[in-house]
Amino acid sequence: MLLWLWDAGHCHGVAGDETRARRAAGECLIRGQAQTASVEAASLTLGVSSLTDTYVRSGIGWTGRRSDRGVRWTPLPVSAVS
Protein backbone atom coordinates (compact mmCIF):
# COMPACT_ATOMS: atom_id res chain seq x y z
CA MET A 1 0.00 0.00 0.00
CA LEU A 2 1.49 3.35 -1.07
CA LEU A 3 1.02 6.29 1.32
CA TRP A 4 2.49 9.77 1.64
CA LEU A 5 4.29 10.80 4.83
CA TRP A 6 4.57 14.50 5.56
CA ASP A 7 6.56 16.46 8.14
CA ALA A 8 6.61 20.19 8.85
CA GLY A 9 8.23 21.19 12.13
CA HIS A 10 6.25 19.62 14.96
CA CYS A 11 3.41 18.76 12.55
CA HIS A 12 3.38 15.43 10.74
CA GLY A 13 0.97 12.94 9.28
CA VAL A 14 0.07 10.36 6.67
CA ALA A 15 -2.10 10.96 3.62
CA GLY A 16 -3.56 8.72 0.96
CA ASP A 17 -2.24 10.83 -1.92
CA GLU A 18 0.49 13.32 -2.69
CA THR A 19 -1.83 16.30 -3.13
CA ARG A 20 -3.36 15.96 0.33
CA ALA A 21 0.06 15.48 1.93
CA ARG A 22 1.49 18.59 0.26
CA ARG A 23 -1.59 20.61 1.20
CA ALA A 24 -1.36 19.58 4.88
CA ALA A 25 2.38 20.26 5.10
CA GLY A 26 1.98 23.53 3.21
CA GLU A 27 -0.65 24.78 5.65
CA CYS A 28 1.85 24.32 8.50
CA LEU A 29 4.44 26.31 6.55
CA ILE A 30 2.03 29.14 5.77
CA ARG A 31 0.91 29.35 9.42
CA GLY A 32 4.57 29.71 10.43
CA GLN A 33 4.72 26.40 12.31
CA ALA A 34 7.78 25.27 10.34
CA GLN A 35 10.54 26.62 8.11
CA THR A 36 10.67 23.59 5.83
CA ALA A 37 8.47 20.60 5.08
CA SER A 38 8.93 17.23 3.44
CA VAL A 39 6.51 14.90 1.68
CA GLU A 40 7.65 11.39 0.77
CA ALA A 41 6.03 8.31 -0.72
CA ALA A 42 6.23 5.25 1.52
CA SER A 43 4.84 1.76 1.57
CA LEU A 44 3.16 0.25 4.59
CA THR A 45 4.65 -3.12 5.45
CA LEU A 46 4.13 -5.65 8.20
CA GLY A 47 7.24 -6.41 10.24
CA VAL A 48 8.00 -10.12 10.13
CA SER A 49 9.76 -10.49 13.48
CA SER A 50 7.67 -8.01 15.48
CA LEU A 51 4.32 -8.22 13.66
CA THR A 52 4.03 -4.43 13.77
CA ASP A 53 3.32 -2.14 10.84
CA THR A 54 6.10 0.11 9.62
CA TYR A 55 6.61 2.61 6.81
CA VAL A 56 9.37 2.09 4.26
CA ARG A 57 10.31 5.43 2.72
CA SER A 58 10.88 5.44 -1.05
CA GLY A 59 13.04 8.54 -1.45
CA ILE A 60 10.47 9.94 -3.90
CA GLY A 61 8.94 13.19 -2.77
CA TRP A 62 9.30 16.90 -2.17
CA THR A 63 10.82 19.51 0.12
CA GLY A 64 8.75 22.63 0.68
CA ARG A 65 9.66 26.15 1.79
CA ARG A 66 7.47 29.17 2.33
CA SER A 67 7.87 31.85 -0.33
CA ASP A 68 6.23 35.18 -1.13
CA ARG A 69 3.83 33.25 -3.42
CA GLY A 70 2.85 30.54 -0.94
CA VAL A 71 4.87 27.34 -0.80
CA ARG A 72 7.63 26.37 -3.20
CA TRP A 73 8.09 22.59 -3.64
CA THR A 74 11.37 21.09 -4.85
CA PRO A 75 11.79 17.39 -5.71
CA LEU A 76 13.88 15.37 -3.27
CA PRO A 77 17.35 14.60 -4.67
CA VAL A 78 17.59 11.23 -6.38
CA SER A 79 19.90 8.97 -4.43
CA ALA A 80 22.09 6.42 -6.17
CA VAL A 81 21.21 2.82 -5.44
CA SER A 82 24.25 0.62 -5.01
C-alpha atoms as a PDB file:
ATOM      1  CA  MET A   1       0.000   0.000   0.000  1.00  0.00           C
ATOM      2  CA  LEU A   2       1.490   3.352  -1.071  1.00  0.00           C
ATOM      3  CA  LEU A   3       1.024   6.287   1.316  1.00  0.00           C
ATOM      4  CA  TRP A   4       2.487   9.766   1.636  1.00  0.00           C
ATOM      5  CA  LEU A   5       4.286  10.796   4.833  1.00  0.00           C
ATOM      6  CA  TRP A   6       4.573  14.502   5.557  1.00  0.00           C
ATOM      7  CA  ASP A   7       6.561  16.465   8.143  1.00  0.00           C
ATOM      8  CA  ALA A   8       6.610  20.194   8.847  1.00  0.00           C
ATOM      9  CA  GLY A   9       8.232  21.194  12.134  1.00  0.00           C
ATOM     10  CA  HIS A  10       6.245  19.623  14.963  1.00  0.00           C
ATOM     11  CA  CYS A  11       3.408  18.757  12.551  1.00  0.00           C
ATOM     12  CA  HIS A  12       3.384  15.426  10.736  1.00  0.00           C
ATOM     13  CA  GLY A  13       0.970  12.944   9.277  1.00  0.00           C
ATOM     14  CA  VAL A  14       0.072  10.358   6.670  1.00  0.00           C
ATOM     15  CA  ALA A  15      -2.105  10.965   3.621  1.00  0.00           C
ATOM     16  CA  GLY A  16      -3.561   8.721   0.957  1.00  0.00           C
ATOM     17  CA  ASP A  17      -2.241  10.826  -1.916  1.00  0.00           C
ATOM     18  CA  GLU A  18       0.490  13.318  -2.693  1.00  0.00           C
ATOM     19  CA  THR A  19      -1.835  16.303  -3.134  1.00  0.00           C
ATOM     20  CA  ARG A  20      -3.356  15.958   0.333  1.00  0.00           C
ATOM     21  CA  ALA A  21       0.058  15.484   1.933  1.00  0.00           C
ATOM     22  CA  ARG A  22       1.492  18.588   0.256  1.00  0.00           C
ATOM     23  CA  ARG A  23      -1.587  20.605   1.200  1.00  0.00           C
ATOM     24  CA  ALA A  24      -1.356  19.576   4.879  1.00  0.00           C
ATOM     25  CA  ALA A  25       2.381  20.257   5.103  1.00  0.00           C
ATOM     26  CA  GLY A  26       1.978  23.529   3.205  1.00  0.00           C
ATOM     27  CA  GLU A  27      -0.651  24.777   5.654  1.00  0.00           C
ATOM     28  CA  CYS A  28       1.851  24.318   8.500  1.00  0.00           C
ATOM     29  CA  LEU A  29       4.435  26.314   6.548  1.00  0.00           C
ATOM     30  CA  ILE A  30       2.032  29.142   5.774  1.00  0.00           C
ATOM     31  CA  ARG A  31       0.912  29.353   9.425  1.00  0.00           C
ATOM     32  CA  GLY A  32       4.573  29.708  10.426  1.00  0.00           C
ATOM     33  CA  GLN A  33       4.725  26.401  12.314  1.00  0.00           C
ATOM     34  CA  ALA A  34       7.776  25.265  10.341  1.00  0.00           C
ATOM     35  CA  GLN A  35      10.544  26.624   8.113  1.00  0.00           C
ATOM     36  CA  THR A  36      10.666  23.588   5.826  1.00  0.00           C
ATOM     37  CA  ALA A  37       8.468  20.600   5.075  1.00  0.00           C
ATOM     38  CA  SER A  38       8.930  17.227   3.441  1.00  0.00           C
ATOM     39  CA  VAL A  39       6.511  14.901   1.682  1.00  0.00           C
ATOM     40  CA  GLU A  40       7.652  11.394   0.768  1.00  0.00           C
ATOM     41  CA  ALA A  41       6.028   8.306  -0.718  1.00  0.00           C
ATOM     42  CA  ALA A  42       6.235   5.252   1.521  1.00  0.00           C
ATOM     43  CA  SER A  43       4.837   1.756   1.571  1.00  0.00           C
ATOM     44  CA  LEU A  44       3.156   0.252   4.595  1.00  0.00           C
ATOM     45  CA  THR A  45       4.655  -3.124   5.446  1.00  0.00           C
ATOM     46  CA  LEU A  46       4.128  -5.655   8.196  1.00  0.00           C
ATOM     47  CA  GLY A  47       7.238  -6.414  10.242  1.00  0.00           C
ATOM     48  CA  VAL A  48       8.002 -10.124  10.132  1.00  0.00           C
ATOM     49  CA  SER A  49       9.762 -10.491  13.479  1.00  0.00           C
ATOM     50  CA  SER A  50       7.674  -8.013  15.480  1.00  0.00           C
ATOM     51  CA  LEU A  51       4.316  -8.217  13.661  1.00  0.00           C
ATOM     52  CA  THR A  52       4.025  -4.431  13.768  1.00  0.00           C
ATOM     53  CA  ASP A  53       3.322  -2.136  10.841  1.00  0.00           C
ATOM     54  CA  THR A  54       6.103   0.106   9.618  1.00  0.00           C
ATOM     55  CA  TYR A  55       6.609   2.613   6.805  1.00  0.00           C
ATOM     56  CA  VAL A  56       9.372   2.095   4.264  1.00  0.00           C
ATOM     57  CA  ARG A  57      10.307   5.429   2.715  1.00  0.00           C
ATOM     58  CA  SER A  58      10.875   5.445  -1.047  1.00  0.00           C
ATOM     59  CA  GLY A  59      13.045   8.541  -1.446  1.00  0.00           C
ATOM     60  CA  ILE A  60      10.471   9.936  -3.901  1.00  0.00           C
ATOM     61  CA  GLY A  61       8.944  13.191  -2.768  1.00  0.00           C
ATOM     62  CA  TRP A  62       9.297  16.897  -2.173  1.00  0.00           C
ATOM     63  CA  THR A  63      10.818  19.509   0.117  1.00  0.00           C
ATOM     64  CA  GLY A  64       8.750  22.630   0.684  1.00  0.00           C
ATOM     65  CA  ARG A  65       9.663  26.147   1.789  1.00  0.00           C
ATOM     66  CA  ARG A  66       7.468  29.170   2.329  1.00  0.00           C
ATOM     67  CA  SER A  67       7.869  31.854  -0.328  1.00  0.00           C
ATOM     68  CA  ASP A  68       6.234  35.180  -1.134  1.00  0.00           C
ATOM     69  CA  ARG A  69       3.834  33.254  -3.422  1.00  0.00           C
ATOM     70  CA  GLY A  70       2.847  30.545  -0.938  1.00  0.00           C
ATOM     71  CA  VAL A  71       4.865  27.342  -0.800  1.00  0.00           C
ATOM     72  CA  ARG A  72       7.625  26.367  -3.204  1.00  0.00           C
ATOM     73  CA  TRP A  73       8.094  22.593  -3.637  1.00  0.00           C
ATOM     74  CA  THR A  74      11.374  21.090  -4.845  1.00  0.00           C
ATOM     75  CA  PRO A  75      11.787  17.393  -5.706  1.00  0.00           C
ATOM     76  CA  LEU A  76      13.884  15.366  -3.273  1.00  0.00           C
ATOM     77  CA  PRO A  77      17.347  14.597  -4.675  1.00  0.00           C
ATOM     78  CA  VAL A  78      17.594  11.235  -6.377  1.00  0.00           C
ATOM     79  CA  SER A  79      19.897   8.968  -4.428  1.00  0.00           C
ATOM     80  CA  ALA A  80      22.087   6.420  -6.170  1.00  0.00           C
ATOM     81  CA  VAL A  81      21.210   2.815  -5.443  1.00  0.00           C
ATOM     82  CA  SER A  82      24.254   0.623  -5.011  1.00  0.00           C
END
